[in-house]
Protein backbone atom coordinates (compact mmCIF):
# COMPACT_ATOMS: atom_id res chain seq x y z
CA MET A 1 -33.85 -6.21 10.43
CA GLY A 2 -33.35 -4.77 6.61
CA ALA A 3 -33.56 -6.46 3.19
CA TYR A 4 -30.84 -8.52 2.35
CA ARG A 5 -28.23 -6.70 0.20
CA ALA A 6 -26.52 -7.87 -2.37
CA ASP A 7 -22.16 -7.46 -1.65
CA GLU A 8 -21.85 -4.76 -3.84
CA ASP A 9 -24.67 -2.95 -2.75
CA TYR A 10 -22.78 -0.64 -0.79
CA ASP A 11 -22.66 3.35 0.26
CA TYR A 12 -19.28 4.17 0.56
CA LEU A 13 -15.85 2.13 -0.25
CA PHE A 14 -12.65 3.05 1.76
CA LYS A 15 -9.31 1.87 1.03
CA VAL A 16 -7.21 0.99 4.18
CA VAL A 17 -3.81 0.16 4.69
CA LEU A 18 -1.83 -2.02 6.95
CA ILE A 19 1.68 -0.86 7.39
CA GLY A 20 4.18 -1.65 10.07
CA ASP A 21 7.43 -4.09 10.42
CA SER A 22 7.81 -8.14 8.69
CA GLY A 23 5.85 -10.73 10.97
CA VAL A 24 3.82 -8.02 13.44
CA GLY A 25 0.94 -9.87 11.80
CA LYS A 26 -0.42 -7.25 9.32
CA SER A 27 -1.48 -10.67 7.28
CA ASN A 28 -3.44 -12.22 10.10
CA LEU A 29 -4.97 -9.15 10.79
CA LEU A 30 -6.47 -8.91 7.65
CA SER A 31 -7.38 -12.64 7.08
CA ARG A 32 -9.09 -12.41 10.97
CA PHE A 33 -11.04 -9.01 9.91
CA THR A 34 -11.95 -10.19 6.39
CA ARG A 35 -12.34 -14.09 6.86
CA ASN A 36 -12.51 -15.01 10.25
CA GLU A 37 -9.37 -16.85 9.88
CA PHE A 38 -5.80 -16.82 11.32
CA SER A 39 -2.68 -18.79 9.86
CA GLN A 40 0.44 -20.11 12.19
CA GLN A 41 2.40 -20.04 8.57
CA SER A 42 3.18 -16.82 7.09
CA LYS A 43 3.06 -16.59 3.21
CA SER A 44 4.87 -14.25 1.98
CA THR A 45 5.34 -13.01 -0.71
CA ILE A 46 6.82 -9.69 -2.51
CA GLY A 47 3.40 -8.13 -3.40
CA VAL A 48 0.58 -6.69 -2.17
CA GLU A 49 -2.27 -8.94 -0.61
CA PHE A 50 -5.69 -6.90 -1.12
CA ALA A 51 -9.41 -8.26 0.87
CA THR A 52 -12.54 -6.48 1.21
CA ARG A 53 -15.53 -6.68 3.70
CA SER A 54 -18.56 -4.83 3.99
CA ILE A 55 -20.02 -3.65 7.26
CA GLN A 56 -22.52 -1.80 9.02
CA VAL A 57 -22.19 1.63 10.75
CA ASP A 58 -25.09 3.49 11.75
CA ASP A 59 -27.27 3.06 8.52
CA LYS A 60 -25.03 2.58 6.11
CA VAL A 61 -22.99 -0.02 4.43
CA VAL A 62 -19.21 0.71 4.16
CA LYS A 63 -17.20 -1.50 2.06
CA ALA A 64 -13.26 -1.50 3.12
CA GLN A 65 -10.90 -2.45 0.47
CA ILE A 66 -7.98 -3.57 2.70
CA GLY A 67 -4.30 -4.38 1.62
CA THR A 68 -1.20 -5.21 2.93
CA PRO A 69 2.34 -5.23 1.56
CA LEU A 70 4.23 -8.39 1.43
CA ALA A 71 8.28 -9.04 1.47
CA LYS A 72 9.39 -12.47 0.46
CA LYS A 73 10.96 -14.57 3.73
CA GLY A 74 14.62 -13.54 4.17
CA THR A 75 13.77 -10.06 2.88
CA PRO A 76 15.94 -7.27 5.77
CA GLU A 77 14.11 -7.44 9.01
CA ASN A 78 13.11 -3.83 8.07
CA ILE A 79 10.47 -3.93 5.36
CA LEU A 80 10.41 -0.38 4.90
CA ASP A 81 13.86 0.09 3.94
CA PHE A 82 13.32 -2.96 1.04
CA LEU A 83 10.00 -1.28 -0.19
CA LEU A 84 11.52 2.23 -0.24
CA THR A 85 14.41 0.98 -2.30
CA PRO A 86 13.85 2.49 -6.10
CA ARG A 87 12.43 -0.69 -7.81
CA TYR A 88 9.99 -0.91 -5.52
CA ARG A 89 8.79 3.05 -4.89
CA ALA A 90 5.93 3.07 -7.80
CA ILE A 91 4.53 -0.21 -5.89
CA THR A 92 4.65 1.40 -2.40
CA SER A 93 3.19 4.87 -4.48
CA ALA A 94 0.32 2.85 -5.73
CA TYR A 95 -0.63 0.66 -2.70
CA TYR A 96 -1.11 4.18 -0.30
CA ARG A 97 -2.91 6.03 -3.40
CA GLY A 98 -6.55 6.63 -2.44
CA ALA A 99 -6.15 5.42 1.41
CA VAL A 100 -8.77 7.14 3.38
CA GLY A 101 -7.30 4.73 6.50
CA ALA A 102 -4.49 3.22 8.21
CA LEU A 103 -3.62 0.35 10.56
CA LEU A 104 -0.33 1.35 11.79
CA VAL A 105 0.83 -2.27 13.30
CA TYR A 106 4.09 -3.07 15.79
CA ASP A 107 4.38 -6.13 17.74
CA VAL A 108 4.00 -5.52 21.25
CA THR A 109 6.43 -8.56 22.15
CA ARG A 110 9.53 -6.96 20.13
CA HIS A 111 10.53 -2.89 20.86
CA VAL A 112 12.18 -2.52 17.66
CA THR A 113 8.97 -2.56 16.13
CA PHE A 114 7.39 0.21 17.94
CA GLU A 115 10.78 2.04 17.48
CA ASN A 116 9.93 2.05 13.81
CA VAL A 117 6.35 3.20 14.13
CA GLU A 118 7.86 6.66 13.81
CA ARG A 119 9.40 6.39 10.32
CA TRP A 120 6.15 4.39 9.06
CA LEU A 121 3.79 7.03 10.11
CA LYS A 122 6.46 9.31 8.04
CA GLU A 123 6.01 7.26 5.40
CA LEU A 124 2.36 7.20 5.28
CA ARG A 125 1.80 10.77 5.96
CA GLY A 126 4.15 11.66 3.20
CA HIS A 127 2.13 9.42 0.78
CA THR A 128 -1.67 10.21 1.75
CA ASP A 129 -3.89 12.79 2.38
CA MET A 130 -3.39 14.37 5.83
CA ASN A 131 -6.88 13.69 6.92
CA ILE A 132 -6.43 10.18 6.53
CA VAL A 133 -7.68 8.37 10.10
CA ILE A 134 -4.82 6.29 11.78
CA MET A 135 -4.70 3.22 14.05
CA LEU A 136 -2.02 2.55 16.10
CA VAL A 137 -2.28 -1.32 16.53
CA GLY A 138 -0.27 -3.08 19.19
CA ASN A 139 -0.49 -6.53 17.66
CA LYS A 140 -0.16 -9.95 19.88
CA ALA A 141 -1.42 -8.90 22.50
CA ASP A 142 -2.25 -12.48 23.70
CA LEU A 143 1.33 -13.02 24.39
CA ARG A 144 1.24 -11.11 27.96
CA HIS A 145 3.81 -12.85 29.34
CA LEU A 146 6.27 -11.19 26.59
CA HIS A 147 4.85 -7.82 26.31
CA ALA A 148 8.24 -5.62 25.48
CA VAL A 149 6.04 -1.97 24.67
CA PRO A 150 4.54 -0.74 27.61
CA THR A 151 0.78 0.14 26.84
CA GLU A 152 1.05 3.45 28.13
CA ASP A 153 3.92 4.19 25.98
CA ALA A 154 1.98 3.49 22.90
CA LYS A 155 -0.51 5.61 24.29
CA ALA A 156 1.24 8.84 25.04
CA PHE A 157 3.02 8.35 20.97
CA ALA A 158 -0.72 7.61 19.65
CA GLU A 159 -1.85 10.45 22.04
CA ARG A 160 1.27 13.06 20.48
CA GLU A 161 0.62 12.11 17.00
CA SER A 162 -3.07 12.35 17.03
CA THR A 163 -3.89 8.88 15.99
CA PHE A 164 -6.18 6.44 17.53
CA PHE A 165 -4.31 3.57 19.58
CA MET A 166 -5.72 -0.19 20.24
CA GLU A 167 -4.15 -3.25 21.42
CA THR A 168 -5.14 -6.69 19.42
CA SER A 169 -4.65 -10.26 19.18
CA ALA A 170 -4.93 -11.70 15.35
CA LEU A 171 -4.72 -15.25 17.28
CA GLU A 172 -7.56 -14.69 19.87
CA ALA A 173 -9.76 -12.21 17.79
CA LEU A 174 -9.14 -9.39 20.15
CA ASN A 175 -10.10 -6.22 19.39
CA VAL A 176 -9.38 -6.57 15.55
CA GLU A 177 -13.45 -6.04 14.52
CA ASN A 178 -13.19 -2.81 16.63
CA ALA A 179 -9.98 -1.85 15.59
CA PHE A 180 -10.89 -1.94 11.49
CA THR A 181 -14.55 -0.45 12.53
CA GLU A 182 -13.38 2.42 14.57
CA VAL A 183 -11.42 3.27 11.55
CA LEU A 184 -14.39 2.68 9.26
CA THR A 185 -16.75 4.49 11.53
CA GLN A 186 -14.24 7.84 11.98
CA ILE A 187 -13.70 8.00 8.59
């Protein structure tokens, strides 16, 4: 076991963004990975939430700065339309600036959130470097009996778009660690 390293002591700092429709669990993925917490109550406000966590990749310490956009309750179902309004455009481009990794999240129980993944991907690729590492994430995998998006469809989409793919559950902490770690390792 190596000597203790202070939180400020890291080899790499990577910015990772979480994107996807409202209610897919972006904030809970963020809090599960960075604080190992899960909240049943969504506490959304307009703006961006950021959190950090350092992990060990081989012999290097990688500090991840992870952000997710937040929209107020009552915002249109498609947060993307909302964030693309001229009023929020500046916030949106600042949000993506410098991102080297992204988790593109949909809810496995709501097919519409998977249908919107293509638009999110277009938005992401329009604002970031072409080498950004993207992980397609089907969240809420614990709700097996309510699955509306076949895993095969998501896998096929990820393959076609050259992204990684994983199903997660922020509630059960299933694959959350793996999804973030894989993105950071690939970066």
